[in-house]
Protein backbone atom coordinates (compact mmCIF):
# COMPACT_ATOMS: atom_id res chain seq x y z
CA MET A 1 -6.20 -21.34 -9.86
CA THR A 2 -7.27 -19.63 -12.73
CA PRO A 3 -5.53 -20.08 -16.13
CA SER A 4 -2.27 -17.69 -16.50
CA LEU A 5 -1.79 -14.52 -18.53
CA LEU A 6 0.01 -17.34 -21.10
CA ASP A 7 -3.51 -18.97 -21.46
CA GLN A 8 -5.22 -16.06 -22.77
CA PRO A 9 -6.50 -16.34 -26.54
CA ASP A 10 -4.88 -13.93 -28.62
CA ASP A 11 -8.32 -11.38 -28.94
CA ALA A 12 -8.59 -10.91 -25.10
CA ARG A 13 -4.99 -8.95 -25.23
CA PRO A 14 -5.49 -5.41 -25.66
CA ALA A 15 -3.57 -4.13 -29.06
CA ASP A 16 -0.18 -2.49 -27.99
CA THR A 17 2.91 -1.36 -29.51
CA GLY A 18 4.99 -3.45 -27.29
CA THR A 19 6.91 -3.57 -23.96
CA LEU A 20 9.45 -0.72 -23.40
CA PRO A 21 13.10 -1.25 -22.38
CA PRO A 22 14.11 0.04 -19.24
CA PRO A 23 16.29 3.03 -18.99
CA ALA A 24 19.63 2.49 -18.23
CA GLY A 25 20.65 1.79 -14.67
CA TRP A 26 17.08 0.09 -14.09
CA PRO A 27 17.02 -2.05 -11.20
CA ALA A 28 16.69 -6.00 -12.52
CA PRO A 29 13.01 -7.29 -12.35
CA PRO A 30 11.97 -9.39 -9.10
CA ALA A 31 11.79 -12.97 -10.05
CA PRO A 32 8.77 -14.14 -11.52
CA VAL A 33 8.27 -16.42 -8.10
CA VAL A 34 7.01 -12.52 -6.75
CA TYR A 35 3.12 -13.58 -8.77
CA HIS A 36 2.72 -16.20 -7.14
CA GLU A 37 -0.60 -17.63 -5.86
CA LEU A 38 -3.83 -14.90 -5.63
CA LEU A 39 -2.45 -11.34 -5.49
CA GLY A 40 0.42 -12.58 -7.95
CA GLU A 41 -2.51 -13.93 -10.88
CA ILE A 42 -4.44 -10.69 -10.69
CA VAL A 43 -1.84 -8.61 -11.07
CA THR A 44 -0.76 -11.39 -14.04
CA ARG A 45 -4.16 -10.42 -15.42
CA ILE A 46 -4.52 -6.93 -15.24
CA ALA A 47 -1.11 -6.06 -16.71
CA PRO A 48 -1.69 -6.77 -20.03
CA HIS A 49 -4.80 -4.17 -19.62
CA THR A 50 -2.67 -1.26 -18.62
CA GLU A 51 0.84 0.82 -18.96
CA ALA A 52 1.47 0.56 -15.16
CA ASP A 53 4.07 -0.88 -13.62
CA PRO A 54 3.00 -5.05 -12.54
CA VAL A 55 5.56 -4.43 -9.93
CA ALA A 56 3.32 -1.24 -8.43
CA ILE A 57 0.38 -3.13 -8.37
CA LEU A 58 1.31 -6.22 -7.00
CA THR A 59 3.40 -4.17 -3.81
CA GLN A 60 0.28 -1.35 -3.62
CA LEU A 61 -1.96 -4.39 -3.66
CA LEU A 62 -0.26 -6.34 -0.86
CA VAL A 63 -0.14 -2.90 1.82
CA ALA A 64 -3.96 -2.27 0.62
CA CYS A 65 -4.76 -5.89 1.62
CA GLY A 66 -2.88 -5.71 4.57
CA ALA A 67 -4.70 -2.36 5.47
CA ALA A 68 -8.08 -4.34 5.31
CA VAL A 69 -7.29 -7.30 7.25
CA GLY A 70 -6.65 -4.96 10.06
CA ARG A 71 -5.04 -6.25 13.51
CA GLY A 72 -7.31 -9.31 13.06
CA ALA A 73 -4.07 -11.29 12.16
CA PHE A 74 -0.30 -10.99 13.86
CA PHE A 75 3.04 -12.37 13.38
CA GLN A 76 4.47 -12.96 16.92
CA VAL A 77 8.19 -12.47 17.55
CA GLU A 78 9.33 -12.89 20.95
CA ALA A 79 6.84 -10.40 22.93
CA THR A 80 6.09 -8.23 19.93
CA ARG A 81 3.03 -9.10 17.52
CA HIS A 82 3.84 -7.92 14.08
CA HIS A 83 0.71 -6.70 11.97
CA PRO A 84 -0.16 -6.17 8.03
CA ASN A 85 0.26 -2.52 7.91
CA GLU A 86 3.08 -1.51 5.93
CA PHE A 87 4.55 1.46 4.38
CA MET A 88 5.65 1.57 1.13
CA LEU A 89 6.38 4.44 -1.89
CA LEU A 90 6.48 3.83 -5.17
CA VAL A 91 9.64 6.24 -7.00
CA GLY A 92 8.96 6.97 -10.53
CA ASP A 93 9.11 9.79 -13.54
CA SER A 94 6.01 12.31 -13.09
CA SER A 95 3.10 11.47 -15.23
CA LYS A 96 5.49 8.94 -17.31
CA ALA A 97 5.64 6.11 -14.57
CA ARG A 98 1.70 5.65 -13.59
CA LYS A 99 1.56 5.56 -10.21
CA GLY A 100 -1.68 6.80 -10.32
CA SER A 101 -2.83 4.40 -12.73
CA SER A 102 -1.47 1.14 -10.75
CA TRP A 103 -3.08 2.83 -7.50
CA ASP A 104 -6.57 3.14 -9.69
CA HIS A 105 -6.68 -0.66 -10.15
CA VAL A 106 -6.12 -1.92 -6.71
CA ARG A 107 -8.24 0.93 -5.09
CA ARG A 108 -11.11 -0.15 -7.58
CA LEU A 109 -10.18 -3.52 -6.77
CA LEU A 110 -9.95 -3.07 -2.99
CA ALA A 111 -13.60 -1.20 -2.91
CA THR A 112 -15.41 -4.25 -4.75
CA VAL A 113 -13.74 -6.79 -2.26
CA ASP A 114 -14.02 -5.02 0.98
CA PRO A 115 -16.27 -1.67 0.68
CA SER A 116 -15.64 -1.62 4.38
CA ILE A 117 -12.55 -0.11 3.89
CA GLU A 118 -13.37 2.76 1.37
CA PRO A 119 -14.19 5.67 3.61
CA ARG A 120 -10.94 4.41 5.78
CA ILE A 121 -8.38 5.55 2.70
CA LEU A 122 -7.54 8.92 3.27
CA THR A 123 -5.25 11.55 1.86
CA GLY A 124 -3.38 14.49 3.38
CA LEU A 125 -1.06 13.56 6.07
CA SER A 126 0.50 16.97 7.30
CA SER A 127 0.98 16.16 11.26
CA GLY A 128 1.24 13.43 13.37
CA GLU A 129 -1.77 15.20 15.70
CA GLY A 130 -4.05 14.96 12.90
CA LEU A 131 -3.12 11.08 12.06
CA ILE A 132 -4.36 9.97 15.29
CA TRP A 133 -6.90 12.26 15.23
CA ALA A 134 -8.48 10.17 12.09
CA VAL A 135 -7.65 6.49 14.88
CA ARG A 136 -8.68 7.81 18.05
CA ASP A 137 -10.69 6.23 20.31
CA PRO A 138 -13.85 6.53 21.93
CA THR A 139 -14.18 9.50 25.36
CA ALA A 140 -16.51 10.09 27.54
CA GLN A 141 -16.85 13.19 25.40
CA ASP A 142 -16.13 11.76 22.25
CA SER A 143 -17.58 8.87 20.28
CA GLY A 144 -13.78 8.29 18.60
CA ILE A 145 -13.49 6.38 15.09
CA LYS A 146 -15.10 2.45 15.64
CA ASP A 147 -13.31 1.60 12.59
CA GLN A 148 -9.31 2.06 12.98
CA ARG A 149 -7.82 1.00 10.21
CA LEU A 150 -7.01 3.45 7.84
CA LEU A 151 -4.74 3.05 4.66
CA VAL A 152 -3.43 6.63 3.77
CA ILE A 153 -2.67 7.57 -0.05
CA GLU A 154 -0.29 10.03 -0.40
CA PRO A 155 0.19 10.69 -4.42
CA GLU A 156 2.51 13.88 -3.61
CA PHE A 157 4.61 12.13 -1.09
CA ALA A 158 7.10 14.60 -0.89
CA SER A 159 4.90 16.96 0.68
CA VAL A 160 4.73 14.83 3.65
CA LEU A 161 8.56 15.01 3.72
CA LYS A 162 8.57 18.81 3.95
CA ALA A 163 5.98 18.81 6.71
CA ALA A 164 7.50 16.05 8.85
CA SER A 165 11.03 17.75 8.34
CA ARG A 166 9.78 21.28 10.13
CA GLU A 167 11.38 21.55 13.29
CA ILE A 168 8.32 21.03 15.65
CA SER A 169 6.33 18.69 13.44
CA THR A 170 4.89 15.61 15.29
CA LEU A 171 4.32 13.69 12.24
CA SER A 172 8.00 11.61 11.40
CA PRO A 173 7.19 9.79 14.96
CA THR A 174 3.96 9.27 15.17
CA LEU A 175 4.52 7.36 11.51
CA ARG A 176 7.39 5.49 13.25
CA SER A 177 4.83 4.42 15.94
CA ALA A 178 2.05 3.63 14.03
CA TRP A 179 4.03 1.30 11.83
CA ASP A 180 5.50 -0.18 14.87
CA GLY A 181 2.22 -1.10 16.03
CA ARG A 182 2.15 1.15 18.74
CA PRO A 183 -0.39 3.08 20.96
CA LEU A 184 -0.43 7.05 19.89
CA ALA A 185 -1.63 9.87 22.03
CA ILE A 186 -1.69 13.86 21.81
CA LEU A 187 -0.94 14.99 25.35
CA THR A 188 -2.77 18.52 24.99
CA ARG A 189 -4.67 20.20 27.41
CA THR A 190 -7.30 21.21 24.76
CA ALA A 191 -8.05 18.28 22.43
CA PRO A 192 -6.05 15.66 23.99
CA ALA A 193 -6.34 12.14 21.96
CA ARG A 194 -5.36 8.46 21.87
CA ALA A 195 -5.49 5.82 19.40
CA THR A 196 -4.37 2.35 21.47
CA LEU A 197 -5.35 -0.06 18.55
CA ALA A 198 -4.53 2.17 14.99
CA HIS A 199 -3.88 0.08 12.00
CA ILE A 200 -2.24 2.08 9.56
CA ALA A 201 -0.87 1.80 6.11
CA VAL A 202 0.99 4.15 3.90
CA ILE A 203 1.06 3.94 0.22
CA GLY A 204 2.70 7.18 -1.24
CA HIS A 205 4.28 8.20 -4.67
CA ILE A 206 7.03 10.58 -5.22
CA THR A 207 9.66 11.34 -7.82
CA GLN A 208 13.35 10.62 -7.97
CA ASP A 209 14.42 13.86 -7.82
CA GLU A 210 12.07 15.18 -5.05
CA LEU A 211 13.07 12.28 -2.43
CA ARG A 212 16.49 12.88 -3.31
CA ARG A 213 15.84 16.59 -2.45
CA HIS A 214 13.60 16.28 0.49
CA ILE A 215 14.71 13.18 2.33
CA THR A 216 16.97 14.61 4.81
CA GLN A 217 19.96 12.68 6.97
CA VAL A 218 17.98 12.71 10.06
CA GLU A 219 15.18 11.00 8.29
CA LEU A 220 17.90 8.51 6.91
CA ALA A 221 19.37 7.77 10.85
CA ASN A 222 15.80 8.00 12.63
CA GLY A 223 14.60 4.72 11.65
CA TYR A 224 11.91 6.63 9.29
CA LEU A 225 13.01 5.45 5.66
CA ASN A 226 13.91 2.56 7.18
CA ARG A 227 10.02 1.53 7.77
CA ILE A 228 9.55 2.29 3.93
CA LEU A 229 9.87 0.13 1.31
CA LEU A 230 10.84 1.92 -1.70
CA ILE A 231 9.90 0.52 -5.38
CA ALA A 232 10.98 1.91 -8.60
CA CYS A 233 7.93 1.86 -11.56
CA ARG A 234 8.52 3.20 -14.87
CA ARG A 235 5.66 2.77 -17.97
CA GLN A 236 5.91 -0.65 -18.82
CA ARG A 237 4.03 -0.40 -21.90
CA LEU A 238 2.51 1.76 -24.67
CA LEU A 239 -1.28 1.42 -24.90
CA PRO A 240 -2.87 3.92 -27.15
CA GLU A 241 -6.30 3.06 -26.63
CA GLY A 242 -5.71 1.67 -23.26
CA GLY A 243 -7.01 -1.96 -21.80
CA HIS A 244 -9.70 -3.61 -20.55
CA HIS A 245 -11.94 -0.98 -18.08
CA ASP A 246 -12.01 -4.77 -15.56
CA PRO A 247 -9.62 -7.41 -16.68
CA LEU A 248 -10.71 -9.60 -14.03
CA ASP A 249 -14.74 -9.50 -15.19
CA GLY A 250 -14.94 -13.68 -15.50
CA THR A 251 -12.51 -14.97 -13.60
CA GLY A 252 -13.63 -15.42 -10.01
CA LEU A 253 -10.31 -13.73 -8.47
CA THR A 254 -12.73 -10.61 -7.14
CA ARG A 255 -14.77 -13.50 -5.33
CA LEU A 256 -11.58 -15.28 -4.03
CA LEU A 257 -10.17 -12.02 -3.00
CA GLN A 258 -13.20 -11.42 -0.45
CA ALA A 259 -13.51 -14.84 0.86
CA THR A 260 -9.59 -14.58 1.57
CA LEU A 261 -9.62 -11.38 3.13
CA LYS A 262 -12.52 -11.91 5.00
CA HIS A 263 -10.74 -15.09 6.43
CA ALA A 264 -7.37 -13.23 6.96
CA GLN A 265 -9.34 -10.81 9.29
CA GLY A 266 -10.19 -13.38 12.23
CA SER A 267 -7.31 -15.45 11.39
CA GLY A 268 -5.42 -14.41 14.48
CA GLN A 269 -1.58 -15.36 14.60
CA VAL A 270 0.19 -16.77 11.61
CA ARG A 271 3.21 -18.69 12.00
CA LEU A 272 5.94 -19.78 9.49
CA ASP A 273 5.55 -23.40 7.68
CA PRO A 274 8.66 -25.66 7.19
CA ASP A 275 9.46 -23.87 3.96
CA ALA A 276 9.16 -20.70 4.81
CA ARG A 277 11.49 -21.25 8.01
CA GLU A 278 14.37 -22.19 5.68
């Protein structure tokens, strides 16, 4: 493992105006243990070079890596296989929370370690039918989508909530089924489609006011929101001149992540070790 941030010389860190204090009532930061092993070391290296929240970088990186791994890894619970396709929502003030900046670091890294996932990063969730079409199986009339991994990034997740709330919308139930890893289908006479092995992960960005305004009691009750990891994020520091454009350069962490993802894509069933079982 590479040296931690504390081992970096002072001249390797960008000049900043100090870490910003959290606003009143802000959630307590996670325990340092969340930044363990490879992904934690990556975030630790990036954090001093960005105003973005390290929690936002870490959680998006976890979801993005799970999307890249695909269905080649799973955890078995009784008859159910749980694949690493997660849904998460960054909640923070518009422009000030640096939600977009945190995602930029993740996307750049992901495109480097697995270029094949780049075409499978899409935006524009508006209907269940459209989502299924993006991961559809081949048929006699249509070649379908060969790579059924999909990472949806929605910088304006309020529009997704509004679309899902429409009376005839199939977006919410389709997303719930996608999170569950179940086969998806469009049952229409004109353009039927199925997606039997889709692997869909979702990253959304929203403000706290928008989340309160657009989430409905129905979504709270039907399990839609229960499937989404909600992460509060804020600007962590002021970097008037920005940080290093590639803080992982020379660390070897990018190559290590690339090798780790390649191994995970064919790892099959993942089991808990004795410590995790406790």
